[in-house]
């Protein structure tokens, strides 16, 4: 497997990027609502206040955002590759029936 090629495919996949974006924004909201911030940091991610006003409070850095997004994508890909319960049930039923005949 060529990891760099897979990463480029992920970077071009709008569905996976949307999953990452939502995960990052969810954590931003959690940090805002918990009043968490990174003081002394020059750059990072911010989110508007609940009332819609601009904020200059850095909630976390871009490296944290990348990590959150990648983990969300990995979780989604894991779910896509897990066998569903119906597939497992079907396989067990087939195995059971083969023992009967």
PDB file of N, CA and C in Angstrom:
ATOM      1  N   UNK A   1       0.844  -1.181   0.000  1.00  0.00           N
ATOM      2  CA  UNK A   1       0.000   0.000   0.000  1.00  0.00           C
ATOM      3  C   UNK A   1       0.890   1.245   0.000  1.00  0.00           C
ATOM      4  N   UNK A   2       0.580   2.183  -0.843  1.00  0.00           N
ATOM      5  CA  UNK A   2       1.312   3.438  -0.924  1.00  0.00           C
ATOM      6  C   UNK A   2       0.570   4.474  -0.076  1.00  0.00           C
ATOM      7  N   UNK A   3       1.083   4.754   1.109  1.00  0.00           N
ATOM      8  CA  UNK A   3       0.404   5.642   2.049  1.00  0.00           C
ATOM      9  C   UNK A   3       0.235   7.041   1.486  1.00  0.00           C
ATOM     10  N   UNK A   4       1.249   7.549   0.798  1.00  0.00           N
ATOM     11  CA  UNK A   4       1.140   8.909   0.260  1.00  0.00           C
ATOM     12  C   UNK A   4       0.022   8.994  -0.774  1.00  0.00           C
ATOM     13  N   UNK A   5      -0.151   7.950  -1.582  1.00  0.00           N
ATOM     14  CA  UNK A   5      -1.233   7.930  -2.564  1.00  0.00           C
ATOM     15  C   UNK A   5      -2.592   7.889  -1.860  1.00  0.00           C
ATOM     16  N   UNK A   6      -2.690   7.070  -0.808  1.00  0.00           N
ATOM     17  CA  UNK A   6      -3.947   6.981  -0.057  1.00  0.00           C
ATOM     18  C   UNK A   6      -4.287   8.319   0.594  1.00  0.00           C
ATOM     19  N   UNK A   7      -3.286   8.991   1.138  1.00  0.00           N
ATOM     20  CA  UNK A   7      -3.532  10.302   1.740  1.00  0.00           C
ATOM     21  C   UNK A   7      -4.003  11.315   0.702  1.00  0.00           C
ATOM     22  N   UNK A   8      -3.435  11.248  -0.485  1.00  0.00           N
ATOM     23  CA  UNK A   8      -3.887  12.156  -1.552  1.00  0.00           C
ATOM     24  C   UNK A   8      -5.331  11.850  -1.957  1.00  0.00           C
ATOM     25  N   UNK A   9      -5.679  10.568  -1.988  1.00  0.00           N
ATOM     26  CA  UNK A   9      -7.063  10.192  -2.296  1.00  0.00           C
ATOM     27  C   UNK A   9      -8.017  10.725  -1.230  1.00  0.00           C
ATOM     28  N   UNK A  10      -7.605  10.629   0.019  1.00  0.00           N
ATOM     29  CA  UNK A  10      -8.436  11.158   1.105  1.00  0.00           C
ATOM     30  C   UNK A  10      -8.583  12.667   0.963  1.00  0.00           C
ATOM     31  N   UNK A  11      -7.491  13.345   0.625  1.00  0.00           N
ATOM     32  CA  UNK A  11      -7.519  14.807   0.471  1.00  0.00           C
ATOM     33  C   UNK A  11      -8.451  15.247  -0.653  1.00  0.00           C
ATOM     34  N   UNK A  12      -8.716  14.358  -1.602  1.00  0.00           N
ATOM     35  CA  UNK A  12      -9.614  14.671  -2.720  1.00  0.00           C
ATOM     36  C   UNK A  12     -11.036  14.164  -2.499  1.00  0.00           C
ATOM     37  N   UNK A  13     -11.296  13.548  -1.356  1.00  0.00           N
ATOM     38  CA  UNK A  13     -12.603  12.949  -1.083  1.00  0.00           C
ATOM     39  C   UNK A  13     -13.435  13.905  -0.234  1.00  0.00           C
ATOM     40  N   UNK A  14     -14.407  14.548  -0.861  1.00  0.00           N
ATOM     41  CA  UNK A  14     -15.218  15.558  -0.170  1.00  0.00           C
ATOM     42  C   UNK A  14     -15.997  14.990   1.013  1.00  0.00           C
ATOM     43  N   UNK A  15     -16.449  13.758   0.911  1.00  0.00           N
ATOM     44  CA  UNK A  15     -17.210  13.147   2.012  1.00  0.00           C
ATOM     45  C   UNK A  15     -16.323  12.992   3.251  1.00  0.00           C
ATOM     46  N   UNK A  16     -15.107  12.498   3.053  1.00  0.00           N
ATOM     47  CA  UNK A  16     -14.199  12.327   4.179  1.00  0.00           C
ATOM     48  C   UNK A  16     -13.742  13.668   4.741  1.00  0.00           C
ATOM     49  N   UNK A  17     -13.529  14.640   3.881  1.00  0.00           N
ATOM     50  CA  UNK A  17     -13.145  15.969   4.351  1.00  0.00           C
ATOM     51  C   UNK A  17     -14.268  16.603   5.168  1.00  0.00           C
ATOM     52  N   UNK A  18     -15.495  16.354   4.785  1.00  0.00           N
ATOM     53  CA  UNK A  18     -16.647  16.881   5.539  1.00  0.00           C
ATOM     54  C   UNK A  18     -16.709  16.223   6.923  1.00  0.00           C
ATOM     55  N   UNK A  19     -16.424  14.945   6.998  1.00  0.00           N
ATOM     56  CA  UNK A  19     -16.387  14.247   8.292  1.00  0.00           C
ATOM     57  C   UNK A  19     -15.316  14.879   9.182  1.00  0.00           C
ATOM     58  N   UNK A  20     -14.155  15.150   8.621  1.00  0.00           N
ATOM     59  CA  UNK A  20     -13.073  15.780   9.381  1.00  0.00           C
ATOM     60  C   UNK A  20     -13.465  17.182   9.833  1.00  0.00           C
ATOM     61  N   UNK A  21     -14.059  17.949   8.929  1.00  0.00           N
ATOM     62  CA  UNK A  21     -14.469  19.324   9.262  1.00  0.00           C
ATOM     63  C   UNK A  21     -15.460  19.326  10.413  1.00  0.00           C
ATOM     64  N   UNK A  22     -16.450  18.452  10.341  1.00  0.00           N
ATOM     65  CA  UNK A  22     -17.460  18.402  11.405  1.00  0.00           C
ATOM     66  C   UNK A  22     -16.835  18.021  12.739  1.00  0.00           C
ATOM     67  N   UNK A  23     -15.908  17.071  12.717  1.00  0.00           N
ATOM     68  CA  UNK A  23     -15.246  16.656  13.960  1.00  0.00           C
ATOM     69  C   UNK A  23     -14.451  17.813  14.558  1.00  0.00           C
ATOM     70  N   UNK A  24     -13.734  18.535  13.713  1.00  0.00           N
ATOM     71  CA  UNK A  24     -12.937  19.673  14.189  1.00  0.00           C
ATOM     72  C   UNK A  24     -13.846  20.750  14.766  1.00  0.00           C
ATOM     73  N   UNK A  25     -14.935  21.053  14.068  1.00  0.00           N
ATOM     74  CA  UNK A  25     -15.851  22.078  14.563  1.00  0.00           C
ATOM     75  C   UNK A  25     -16.534  21.644  15.855  1.00  0.00           C
ATOM     76  N   UNK A  26     -16.840  20.363  15.983  1.00  0.00           N
ATOM     77  CA  UNK A  26     -17.447  19.872  17.228  1.00  0.00           C
ATOM     78  C   UNK A  26     -16.511  20.094  18.409  1.00  0.00           C
ATOM     79  N   UNK A  27     -15.228  19.819  18.216  1.00  0.00           N
ATOM     80  CA  UNK A  27     -14.254  20.019  19.298  1.00  0.00           C
ATOM     81  C   UNK A  27     -14.064  21.514  19.565  1.00  0.00           C
ATOM     82  N   UNK A  28     -14.077  22.327  18.521  1.00  0.00           N
ATOM     83  CA  UNK A  28     -14.000  23.775  18.718  1.00  0.00           C
ATOM     84  C   UNK A  28     -15.154  24.265  19.586  1.00  0.00           C
ATOM     85  N   UNK A  29     -16.358  23.786  19.298  1.00  0.00           N
ATOM     86  CA  UNK A  29     -17.530  24.182  20.086  1.00  0.00           C
ATOM     87  C   UNK A  29     -17.367  23.733  21.538  1.00  0.00           C
ATOM     88  N   UNK A  30     -16.902  22.497  21.729  1.00  0.00           N
ATOM     89  CA  UNK A  30     -16.680  21.999  23.087  1.00  0.00           C
ATOM     90  C   UNK A  30     -15.681  22.875  23.844  1.00  0.00           C
ATOM     91  N   UNK A  31     -14.597  23.239  23.173  1.00  0.00           N
ATOM     92  CA  UNK A  31     -13.585  24.084  23.820  1.00  0.00           C
ATOM     93  C   UNK A  31     -14.144  25.464  24.121  1.00  0.00           C
ATOM     94  N   UNK A  32     -14.906  26.019  23.198  1.00  0.00           N
ATOM     95  CA  UNK A  32     -15.508  27.338  23.431  1.00  0.00           C
ATOM     96  C   UNK A  32     -16.465  27.280  24.613  1.00  0.00           C
ATOM     97  N   UNK A  33     -17.343  26.293  24.605  1.00  0.00           N
ATOM     98  CA  UNK A  33     -18.353  26.193  25.654  1.00  0.00           C
ATOM     99  C   UNK A  33     -17.736  25.877  27.015  1.00  0.00           C
ATOM    100  N   UNK A  34     -16.573  25.236  27.018  1.00  0.00           N
ATOM    101  CA  UNK A  34     -15.856  24.936  28.263  1.00  0.00           C
ATOM    102  C   UNK A  34     -14.883  26.054  28.627  1.00  0.00           C
ATOM    103  N   UNK A  35     -14.811  27.069  27.781  1.00  0.00           N
ATOM    104  CA  UNK A  35     -13.927  28.221  27.961  1.00  0.00           C
ATOM    105  C   UNK A  35     -12.457  27.819  27.978  1.00  0.00           C
ATOM    106  N   UNK A  36     -12.106  26.802  27.175  1.00  0.00           N
ATOM    107  CA  UNK A  36     -10.711  26.361  27.068  1.00  0.00           C
ATOM    108  C   UNK A  36      -9.993  27.194  26.012  1.00  0.00           C
ATOM    109  N   UNK A  37      -8.747  27.499  26.266  1.00  0.00           N
ATOM    110  CA  UNK A  37      -7.961  28.303  25.328  1.00  0.00           C
ATOM    111  C   UNK A  37      -6.491  27.952  25.458  1.00  0.00           C
ATOM    112  N   UNK A  38      -5.737  28.321  24.430  1.00  0.00           N
ATOM    113  CA  UNK A  38      -4.284  28.165  24.447  1.00  0.00           C
ATOM    114  C   UNK A  38      -3.673  29.567  24.522  1.00  0.00           C
ATOM    115  N   UNK A  39      -3.238  29.933  25.699  1.00  0.00           N
ATOM    116  CA  UNK A  39      -2.674  31.258  25.893  1.00  0.00           C
ATOM    117  C   UNK A  39      -1.220  31.291  25.449  1.00  0.00           C
ATOM    118  N   UNK A  40      -0.814  32.422  24.920  1.00  0.00           N
ATOM    119  CA  UNK A  40       0.565  32.599  24.496  1.00  0.00           C
ATOM    120  C   UNK A  40       0.859  32.011  23.124  1.00  0.00           C
ATOM    121  N   UNK A  41      -0.156  31.551  22.465  1.00  0.00           N
ATOM    122  CA  UNK A  41       0.037  30.972  21.134  1.00  0.00           C
ATOM    123  C   UNK A  41      -0.241  32.055  20.097  1.00  0.00           C
ATOM    124  N   UNK A  42       0.608  32.149  19.101  1.00  0.00           N
ATOM    125  CA  UNK A  42       0.455  33.188  18.082  1.00  0.00           C
ATOM    126  C   UNK A  42      -0.616  32.889  17.051  1.00  0.00           C
ATOM    127  N   UNK A  43      -0.774  31.629  16.690  1.00  0.00           N
ATOM    128  CA  UNK A  43      -1.735  31.246  15.654  1.00  0.00           C
ATOM    129  C   UNK A  43      -2.485  29.999  16.092  1.00  0.00           C
ATOM    130  N   UNK A  44      -3.683  29.848  15.557  1.00  0.00           N
ATOM    131  CA  UNK A  44      -4.482  28.671  15.864  1.00  0.00           C
ATOM    132  C   UNK A  44      -5.914  28.859  15.408  1.00  0.00           C
ATOM    133  N   UNK A  45      -6.759  27.965  15.848  1.00  0.00           N
ATOM    134  CA  UNK A  45      -8.161  28.000  15.436  1.00  0.00           C
ATOM    135  C   UNK A  45      -9.008  28.731  16.471  1.00  0.00           C
ATOM    136  N   UNK A  46      -9.927  29.528  15.962  1.00  0.00           N
ATOM    137  CA  UNK A  46     -10.870  30.258  16.807  1.00  0.00           C
ATOM    138  C   UNK A  46     -12.277  29.950  16.316  1.00  0.00           C
ATOM    139  N   UNK A  47     -13.257  30.261  17.144  1.00  0.00           N
ATOM    140  CA  UNK A  47     -14.652  30.063  16.777  1.00  0.00           C
ATOM    141  C   UNK A  47     -15.458  31.223  17.358  1.00  0.00           C
ATOM    142  N   UNK A  48     -16.472  31.619  16.639  1.00  0.00           N
ATOM    143  CA  UNK A  48     -17.317  32.710  17.136  1.00  0.00           C
ATOM    144  C   UNK A  48     -17.947  32.321  18.470  1.00  0.00           C
ATOM    145  N   UNK A  49     -18.271  33.339  19.236  1.00  0.00           N
ATOM    146  CA  UNK A  49     -18.962  33.111  20.502  1.00  0.00           C
ATOM    147  C   UNK A  49     -20.394  32.638  20.210  1.00  0.00           C
ATOM    148  N   UNK A  50     -21.051  32.100  21.213  1.00  0.00           N
ATOM    149  CA  UNK A  50     -22.410  31.575  21.056  1.00  0.00           C
ATOM    150  C   UNK A  50     -23.349  32.647  20.501  1.00  0.00           C
ATOM    151  N   UNK A  51     -23.141  33.900  20.912  1.00  0.00           N
ATOM    152  CA  UNK A  51     -23.997  34.998  20.460  1.00  0.00           C
ATOM    153  C   UNK A  51     -23.634  35.505  19.062  1.00  0.00           C
ATOM    154  N   UNK A  52     -22.655  34.874  18.412  1.00  0.00           N
ATOM    155  CA  UNK A  52     -22.265  35.241  17.054  1.00  0.00           C
ATOM    156  C   UNK A  52     -21.165  36.272  16.965  1.00  0.00           C
ATOM    157  N   UNK A  53     -20.733  36.813  18.096  1.00  0.00           N
ATOM    158  CA  UNK A  53     -19.665  37.817  18.078  1.00  0.00           C
ATOM    159  C   UNK A  53     -18.328  37.164  17.769  1.00  0.00           C
ATOM    160  N   UNK A  54     -17.473  37.937  17.094  1.00  0.00           N
ATOM    161  CA  UNK A  54     -16.127  37.470  16.789  1.00  0.00           C
ATOM    162  C   UNK A  54     -15.358  37.205  18.077  1.00  0.00           C
ATOM    163  N   UNK A  55     -14.433  36.290  17.992  1.00  0.00           N
ATOM    164  CA  UNK A  55     -13.579  35.959  19.124  1.00  0.00           C
ATOM    165  C   UNK A  55     -12.143  35.938  18.646  1.00  0.00           C
ATOM    166  N   UNK A  56     -11.242  36.348  19.510  1.00  0.00           N
ATOM    167  CA  UNK A  56      -9.819  36.247  19.180  1.00  0.00           C
ATOM    168  C   UNK A  56      -9.126  35.231  20.076  1.00  0.00           C
ATOM    169  N   UNK A  57      -9.924  34.399  20.754  1.00  0.00           N
ATOM    170  CA  UNK A  57      -9.386  33.388  21.654  1.00  0.00           C
ATOM    171  C   UNK A  57      -9.017  32.139  20.852  1.00  0.00           C
ATOM    172  N   UNK A  58      -7.754  31.771  20.895  1.00  0.00           N
ATOM    173  CA  UNK A  58      -7.293  30.576  20.188  1.00  0.00           C
ATOM    174  C   UNK A  58      -7.658  29.356  21.025  1.00  0.00           C
ATOM    175  N   UNK A  59      -8.440  28.470  20.433  1.00  0.00           N
ATOM    176  CA  UNK A  59      -8.921  27.294  21.158  1.00  0.00           C
ATOM    177  C   UNK A  59      -7.924  26.138  21.092  1.00  0.00           C
ATOM    178  N   UNK A  60      -7.315  25.935  19.920  1.00  0.00           N
ATOM    179  CA  UNK A  60      -6.234  24.957  19.790  1.00  0.00           C
ATOM    180  C   UNK A  60      -5.501  25.204  18.490  1.00  0.00           C
ATOM    181  N   UNK A  61      -4.357  24.540  18.346  1.00  0.00           N
ATOM    182  CA  UNK A  61      -3.504  24.752  17.187  1.00  0.00           C
ATOM    183  C   UNK A  61      -3.901  23.915  15.989  1.00  0.00           C
ATOM    184  N   UNK A  62      -3.315  24.243  14.859  1.00  0.00           N
ATOM    185  CA  UNK A  62      -3.628  23.531  13.618  1.00  0.00           C
ATOM    186  C   UNK A  62      -3.205  22.071  13.686  1.00  0.00           C
ATOM    187  N   UNK A  63      -2.138  21.755  14.428  1.00  0.00           N
ATOM    188  CA  UNK A  63      -1.722  20.360  14.550  1.00  0.00           C
ATOM    189  C   UNK A  63      -2.777  19.535  15.285  1.00  0.00           C
ATOM    190  N   UNK A  64      -3.455  20.145  16.244  1.00  0.00           N
ATOM    191  CA  UNK A  64      -4.551  19.461  16.945  1.00  0.00           C
ATOM    192  C   UNK A  64      -5.721  19.253  15.997  1.00  0.00           C
ATOM    193  N   UNK A  65      -6.010  20.250  15.185  1.00  0.00           N
ATOM    194  CA  UNK A  65      -7.103  20.130  14.217  1.00  0.00           C
ATOM    195  C   UNK A  65      -6.826  19.016  13.211  1.00  0.00           C
ATOM    196  N   UNK A  66      -5.604  18.945  12.728  1.00  0.00           N
ATOM    197  CA  UNK A  66      -5.248  17.885  11.781  1.00  0.00           C
ATOM    198  C   UNK A  66      -5.419  16.518  12.436  1.00  0.00           C
ATOM    199  N   UNK A  67      -4.964  16.399  13.673  1.00  0.00           N
ATOM    200  CA  UNK A  67      -5.084  15.135  14.402  1.00  0.00           C
ATOM    201  C   UNK A  67      -6.554  14.740  14.588  1.00  0.00           C
ATOM    202  N   UNK A  68      -7.379  15.679  14.978  1.00  0.00           N
ATOM    203  CA  UNK A  68      -8.814  15.415  15.156  1.00  0.00           C
ATOM    204  C   UNK A  68      -9.430  14.956  13.841  1.00  0.00           C
ATOM    205  N   UNK A  69      -9.125  15.657  12.767  1.00  0.00           N
ATOM    206  CA  UNK A  69      -9.673  15.324  11.457  1.00  0.00           C
ATOM    207  C   UNK A  69      -9.233  13.958  10.966  1.00  0.00           C
ATOM    208  N   UNK A  70      -7.953  13.647  11.126  1.00  0.00           N
ATOM    209  CA  UNK A  70      -7.449  12.343  10.681  1.00  0.00           C
ATOM    210  C   UNK A  70      -8.075  11.203  11.477  1.00  0.00           C
ATOM    211  N   UNK A  71      -8.228  11.396  12.780  1.00  0.00           N
ATOM    212  CA  UNK A  71      -8.862  10.362  13.600  1.00  0.00           C
ATOM    213  C   UNK A  71     -10.319  10.155  13.203  1.00  0.00           C
ATOM    214  N   UNK A  72     -11.024  11.231  12.891  1.00  0.00           N
ATOM    215  CA  UNK A  72     -12.418  11.109  12.461  1.00  0.00           C
ATOM    216  C   UNK A  72     -12.507  10.358  11.135  1.00  0.00           C
ATOM    217  N   UNK A  73     -11.600  10.638  10.217  1.00  0.00           N
ATOM    218  CA  UNK A  73     -11.570   9.927   8.933  1.00  0.00           C
ATOM    219  C   UNK A  73     -11.253   8.451   9.166  1.00  0.00           C
ATOM    220  N   UNK A  74     -10.276   8.173  10.014  1.00  0.00           N
ATOM    221  CA  UNK A  74      -9.919   6.779  10.311  1.00  0.00           C
ATOM    222  C   UNK A  74     -11.098   6.030  10.919  1.00  0.00           C
ATOM    223  N   UNK A  75     -11.812   6.677  11.831  1.00  0.00           N
ATOM    224  CA  UNK A  75     -12.993   6.047  12.445  1.00  0.00           C
ATOM    225  C   UNK A  75     -14.046   5.721  11.388  1.00  0.00           C
ATOM    226  N   UNK A  76     -14.245   6.641  10.460  1.00  0.00           N
ATOM    227  CA  UNK A  76     -15.228   6.423   9.390  1.00  0.00           C
ATOM    228  C   UNK A  76     -14.791   5.269   8.493  1.00  0.00           C
ATOM    229  N   UNK A  77     -13.528   5.235   8.133  1.00  0.00           N
ATOM    230  CA  UNK A  77     -13.021   4.158   7.276  1.00  0.00           C
ATOM    231  C   UNK A  77     -13.114   2.807   7.992  1.00  0.00           C
ATOM    232  N   UNK A  78     -12.867   2.792   9.301  1.00  0.00           N
ATOM    233  CA  UNK A  78     -13.026   1.554  10.074  1.00  0.00           C
ATOM    234  C   UNK A  78     -14.460   1.049  10.001  1.00  0.00           C
ATOM    235  N   UNK A  79     -15.410   1.964  10.119  1.00  0.00           N
ATOM    236  CA  UNK A  79     -16.826   1.572  10.067  1.00  0.00           C
ATOM    237  C   UNK A  79     -17.196   1.015   8.697  1.00  0.00           C
ATOM    238  N   UNK A  80     -16.592   1.553   7.657  1.00  0.00           N
ATOM    239  CA  UNK A  80     -16.889   1.079   6.303  1.00  0.00           C
ATOM    240  C   UNK A  80     -16.331  -0.313   6.055  1.00  0.00           C
ATOM    241  N   UNK A  81     -15.275  -0.680   6.776  1.00  0.00           N
ATOM    242  CA  UNK A  81     -14.650  -1.978   6.543  1.00  0.00           C
ATOM    243  C   UNK A  81     -15.097  -3.047   7.536  1.00  0.00           C
ATOM    244  N   UNK A  82     -15.856  -2.648   8.571  1.00  0.00           N
ATOM    245  CA  UNK A  82     -16.371  -3.631   9.527  1.00  0.00           C
ATOM    246  C   UNK A  82     -17.523  -4.390   8.889  1.00  0.00           C
ATOM    247  N   UNK A  83     -17.557  -5.695   9.082  1.00  0.00           N
ATOM    248  CA  UNK A  83     -18.695  -6.445   8.554  1.00  0.00           C
ATOM    249  C   UNK A  83     -19.959  -6.075   9.333  1.00  0.00           C
ATOM    250  N   UNK A  84     -21.048  -5.948   8.623  1.00  0.00           N
ATOM    251  CA  UNK A  84     -22.302  -5.606   9.282  1.00  0.00           C
ATOM    252  C   UNK A  84     -22.851  -6.826  10.000  1.00  0.00           C
ATOM    253  N   UNK A  85     -23.764  -6.598  10.936  1.00  0.00           N
ATOM    254  CA  UNK A  85     -24.366  -7.704  11.676  1.00  0.00           C
ATOM    255  C   UNK A  85     -25.083  -8.657  10.732  1.00  0.00           C
ATOM    256  N   UNK A  86     -25.737  -8.121   9.699  1.00  0.00           N
ATOM    257  CA  UNK A  86     -26.462  -8.989   8.780  1.00  0.00           C
ATOM    258  C   UNK A  86     -25.497  -9.900   8.016  1.00  0.00           C
ATOM    259  N   UNK A  87     -24.309  -9.381   7.678  1.00  0.00           N
ATOM    260  CA  UNK A  87     -23.306 -10.213   7.000  1.00  0.00           C
ATOM    261  C   UNK A  87     -22.813 -11.312   7.928  1.00  0.00           C
ATOM    262  N   UNK A  88     -22.602 -10.963   9.194  1.00  0.00           N
ATOM    263  CA  UNK A  88     -22.152 -11.953  10.164  1.00  0.00           C
ATOM    264  C   UNK A  88     -23.235 -13.005  10.366  1.00  0.00           C
ATOM    265  N   UNK A  89     -24.481 -12.560  10.539  1.00  0.00           N
ATOM    266  CA  UNK A  89     -25.596 -13.499  10.711  1.00  0.00           C
ATOM    267  C   UNK A  89     -25.720 -14.425   9.516  1.00  0.00           C
ATOM    268  N   UNK A  90     -25.577 -13.852   8.321  1.00  0.00           N
ATOM    269  CA  UNK A  90     -25.682 -14.642   7.096  1.00  0.00           C
ATOM    270  C   UNK A  90     -24.570 -15.692   7.026  1.00  0.00           C
ATOM    271  N   UNK A  91     -23.361 -15.293   7.399  1.00  0.00           N
ATOM    272  CA  UNK A  91     -22.235 -16.225   7.371  1.00  0.00           C
ATOM    273  C   UNK A  91     -22.430 -17.346   8.381  1.00  0.00           C
ATOM    274  N   UNK A  92     -22.911 -17.013   9.561  1.00  0.00           N
ATOM    275  CA  UNK A  92     -23.159 -18.035  10.576  1.00  0.00           C
ATOM    276  C   UNK A  92     -24.266 -18.983  10.142  1.00  0.00           C
ATOM    277  N   UNK A  93     -25.316 -18.429   9.541  1.00  0.00           N
ATOM    278  CA  UNK A  93     -26.422 -19.267   9.075  1.00  0.00           C
ATOM    279  C   UNK A  93     -25.951 -20.224   7.981  1.00  0.00           C
ATOM    280  N   UNK A  94     -25.147 -19.725   7.070  1.00  0.00           N
ATOM    281  CA  UNK A  94     -24.610 -20.557   5.996  1.00  0.00           C
ATOM    282  C   UNK A  94     -23.741 -21.672   6.569  1.00  0.00           C
ATOM    283  N   UNK A  95     -22.912 -21.331   7.549  1.00  0.00           N
ATOM    284  CA  UNK A  95     -22.049 -22.325   8.178  1.00  0.00           C
ATOM    285  C   UNK A  95     -22.905 -23.384   8.890  1.00  0.00           C
ATOM    286  N   UNK A  96     -23.957 -22.946   9.585  1.00  0.00           N
ATOM    287  CA  UNK A  96     -24.839 -23.867  10.293  1.00  0.00           C
ATOM    288  C   UNK A  96     -25.564 -24.786   9.314  1.00  0.00           C
ATOM    289  N   UNK A  97     -26.056 -24.208   8.220  1.00  0.00           N
ATOM    290  CA  UNK A  97     -26.773 -25.024   7.227  1.00  0.00           C
ATOM    291  C   UNK A  97     -25.843 -26.039   6.564  1.00  0.00           C
ATOM    292  N   UNK A  98     -24.590 -25.675   6.358  1.00  0.00           N
ATOM    293  CA  UNK A  98     -23.653 -26.617   5.730  1.00  0.00           C
ATOM    294  C   UNK A  98     -23.380 -27.825   6.617  1.00  0.00           C
ATOM    295  N   UNK A  99     -23.514 -27.639   7.918  1.00  0.00           N
ATOM    296  CA  UNK A  99     -23.320 -28.761   8.839  1.00  0.00           C
ATOM    297  C   UNK A  99     -24.527 -29.703   8.816  1.00  0.00           C
ATOM    298  N   UNK A 100     -25.691 -29.171   8.458  1.00  0.00           N
ATOM    299  CA  UNK A 100     -26.898 -29.983   8.435  1.00  0.00           C
ATOM    300  C   UNK A 100     -26.938 -30.908   7.225  1.00  0.00           C
ATOM    301  N   UNK A 101     -26.317 -30.510   6.146  1.00  0.00           N
ATOM    302  CA  UNK A 101     -26.414 -31.290   4.887  1.00  0.00           C
ATOM    303  C   UNK A 101     -25.147 -31.992   4.579  1.00  0.00           C
TER     304      UNK A 101
END
